[in-house]
Amino acid sequence: MVFEAIVVGVILLALGYWATMFVMGRRDDVLHGKFVADEPAAEPVRPKPRVQSAPAAPQPNKDSLQALLTVIKQDLHDAARS
């Protein structure tokens, strides 16, 4: 009984694939069982946008990074106590 169900399922999958290819217009694939390569479509030439470089960001100094690290440590310590 299980074997018959598997066979029927495979046949239904094959029929579904065939119907999908037929509806999508890939009739050569359906009728001959081979895949036909589509012709590549010509892409329109688009001008490349000009990208303006952003001004360089100022480099943080050690004192500001140390202060930020201290604040983060304090927040984590407070969160651990809660």
C-alpha atoms as a PDB file:
ATOM      1  CA  MET A   1       0.000   0.000   0.000  1.00  0.00           C
ATOM      2  CA  VAL A   2       2.793   2.420   0.882  1.00  0.00           C
ATOM      3  CA  PHE A   3       4.760   1.549  -2.260  1.00  0.00           C
ATOM      4  CA  GLU A   4       1.750   2.268  -4.442  1.00  0.00           C
ATOM      5  CA  ALA A   5       1.269   5.628  -2.707  1.00  0.00           C
ATOM      6  CA  ILE A   6       4.902   6.533  -3.381  1.00  0.00           C
ATOM      7  CA  VAL A   7       4.581   5.563  -7.065  1.00  0.00           C
ATOM      8  CA  VAL A   8       1.387   7.601  -7.429  1.00  0.00           C
ATOM      9  CA  GLY A   9       3.070  10.565  -5.695  1.00  0.00           C
ATOM     10  CA  VAL A  10       6.043  10.463  -8.082  1.00  0.00           C
ATOM     11  CA  ILE A  11       3.713  10.275 -11.072  1.00  0.00           C
ATOM     12  CA  LEU A  12       1.711  13.250  -9.768  1.00  0.00           C
ATOM     13  CA  LEU A  13       4.915  15.245  -9.283  1.00  0.00           C
ATOM     14  CA  ALA A  14       5.989  14.452 -12.851  1.00  0.00           C
ATOM     15  CA  LEU A  15       2.604  15.492 -14.201  1.00  0.00           C
ATOM     16  CA  GLY A  16       2.723  18.709 -12.190  1.00  0.00           C
ATOM     17  CA  TYR A  17       6.190  19.501 -13.543  1.00  0.00           C
ATOM     18  CA  TRP A  18       5.053  18.771 -17.088  1.00  0.00           C
ATOM     19  CA  ALA A  19       1.962  20.967 -16.717  1.00  0.00           C
ATOM     20  CA  THR A  20       4.000  23.805 -15.206  1.00  0.00           C
ATOM     21  CA  MET A  21       6.533  23.757 -18.039  1.00  0.00           C
ATOM     22  CA  PHE A  22       3.731  23.612 -20.600  1.00  0.00           C
ATOM     23  CA  VAL A  23       1.884  26.573 -19.081  1.00  0.00           C
ATOM     24  CA  MET A  24       5.111  28.601 -18.806  1.00  0.00           C
ATOM     25  CA  GLY A  25       5.689  28.182 -22.522  1.00  0.00           C
ATOM     26  CA  ARG A  26       8.663  25.834 -22.296  1.00  0.00           C
ATOM     27  CA  ARG A  27       7.023  23.418 -24.731  1.00  0.00           C
ATOM     28  CA  ASP A  28      10.363  22.307 -26.184  1.00  0.00           C
ATOM     29  CA  ASP A  29      11.356  21.119 -22.724  1.00  0.00           C
ATOM     30  CA  VAL A  30       8.070  19.283 -22.308  1.00  0.00           C
ATOM     31  CA  LEU A  31       7.950  17.678 -25.738  1.00  0.00           C
ATOM     32  CA  HIS A  32      11.600  16.796 -26.266  1.00  0.00           C
ATOM     33  CA  GLY A  33      12.888  16.528 -22.709  1.00  0.00           C
ATOM     34  CA  LYS A  34      15.768  18.909 -23.292  1.00  0.00           C
ATOM     35  CA  PHE A  35      16.362  22.357 -21.929  1.00  0.00           C
ATOM     36  CA  VAL A  36      16.530  25.134 -24.459  1.00  0.00           C
ATOM     37  CA  ALA A  37      18.740  28.062 -23.574  1.00  0.00           C
ATOM     38  CA  ASP A  38      17.025  31.417 -23.743  1.00  0.00           C
ATOM     39  CA  GLU A  39      18.606  34.105 -25.859  1.00  0.00           C
ATOM     40  CA  PRO A  40      20.229  36.732 -23.669  1.00  0.00           C
ATOM     41  CA  ALA A  41      18.289  39.972 -23.671  1.00  0.00           C
ATOM     42  CA  ALA A  42      20.131  43.127 -24.594  1.00  0.00           C
ATOM     43  CA  GLU A  43      20.552  45.234 -21.494  1.00  0.00           C
ATOM     44  CA  PRO A  44      20.146  48.983 -21.914  1.00  0.00           C
ATOM     45  CA  VAL A  45      23.261  51.027 -21.340  1.00  0.00           C
ATOM     46  CA  ARG A  46      22.830  53.118 -18.252  1.00  0.00           C
ATOM     47  CA  PRO A  47      25.144  55.949 -17.310  1.00  0.00           C
ATOM     48  CA  LYS A  48      27.018  55.308 -14.095  1.00  0.00           C
ATOM     49  CA  PRO A  49      26.007  57.688 -11.321  1.00  0.00           C
ATOM     50  CA  ARG A  50      28.744  59.923  -9.996  1.00  0.00           C
ATOM     51  CA  VAL A  51      29.429  59.215  -6.370  1.00  0.00           C
ATOM     52  CA  GLN A  52      30.803  62.030  -4.324  1.00  0.00           C
ATOM     53  CA  SER A  53      33.206  60.948  -1.664  1.00  0.00           C
ATOM     54  CA  ALA A  54      32.136  61.762   1.845  1.00  0.00           C
ATOM     55  CA  PRO A  55      34.462  63.883   3.957  1.00  0.00           C
ATOM     56  CA  ALA A  56      36.726  61.836   6.173  1.00  0.00           C
ATOM     57  CA  ALA A  57      35.282  61.268   9.621  1.00  0.00           C
ATOM     58  CA  PRO A  58      37.371  62.657  12.459  1.00  0.00           C
ATOM     59  CA  GLN A  59      39.361  60.021  14.299  1.00  0.00           C
ATOM     60  CA  PRO A  60      38.233  59.581  17.921  1.00  0.00           C
ATOM     61  CA  ASN A  61      40.900  60.084  20.530  1.00  0.00           C
ATOM     62  CA  LYS A  62      41.745  57.628  23.298  1.00  0.00           C
ATOM     63  CA  ASP A  63      40.010  59.660  25.977  1.00  0.00           C
ATOM     64  CA  SER A  64      36.623  59.571  24.228  1.00  0.00           C
ATOM     65  CA  LEU A  65      36.937  55.831  23.576  1.00  0.00           C
ATOM     66  CA  GLN A  66      37.914  55.217  27.189  1.00  0.00           C
ATOM     67  CA  ALA A  67      34.907  57.238  28.386  1.00  0.00           C
ATOM     68  CA  LEU A  68      32.607  55.270  26.082  1.00  0.00           C
ATOM     69  CA  LEU A  69      34.041  51.984  27.373  1.00  0.00           C
ATOM     70  CA  THR A  70      33.484  53.118  30.957  1.00  0.00           C
ATOM     71  CA  VAL A  71      29.841  53.991  30.233  1.00  0.00           C
ATOM     72  CA  ILE A  72      29.247  50.617  28.541  1.00  0.00           C
ATOM     73  CA  LYS A  73      30.812  48.756  31.489  1.00  0.00           C
ATOM     74  CA  GLN A  74      28.608  50.685  33.921  1.00  0.00           C
ATOM     75  CA  ASP A  75      25.470  49.904  31.882  1.00  0.00           C
ATOM     76  CA  LEU A  76      26.347  46.214  31.794  1.00  0.00           C
ATOM     77  CA  HIS A  77      27.005  46.200  35.523  1.00  0.00           C
ATOM     78  CA  ASP A  78      23.658  47.882  36.191  1.00  0.00           C
ATOM     79  CA  ALA A  79      21.877  45.429  33.886  1.00  0.00           C
ATOM     80  CA  ALA A  80      23.486  42.469  35.667  1.00  0.00           C
ATOM     81  CA  ARG A  81      22.207  43.705  39.049  1.00  0.00           C
ATOM     82  CA  SER A  82      18.614  44.011  37.780  1.00  0.00           C
END
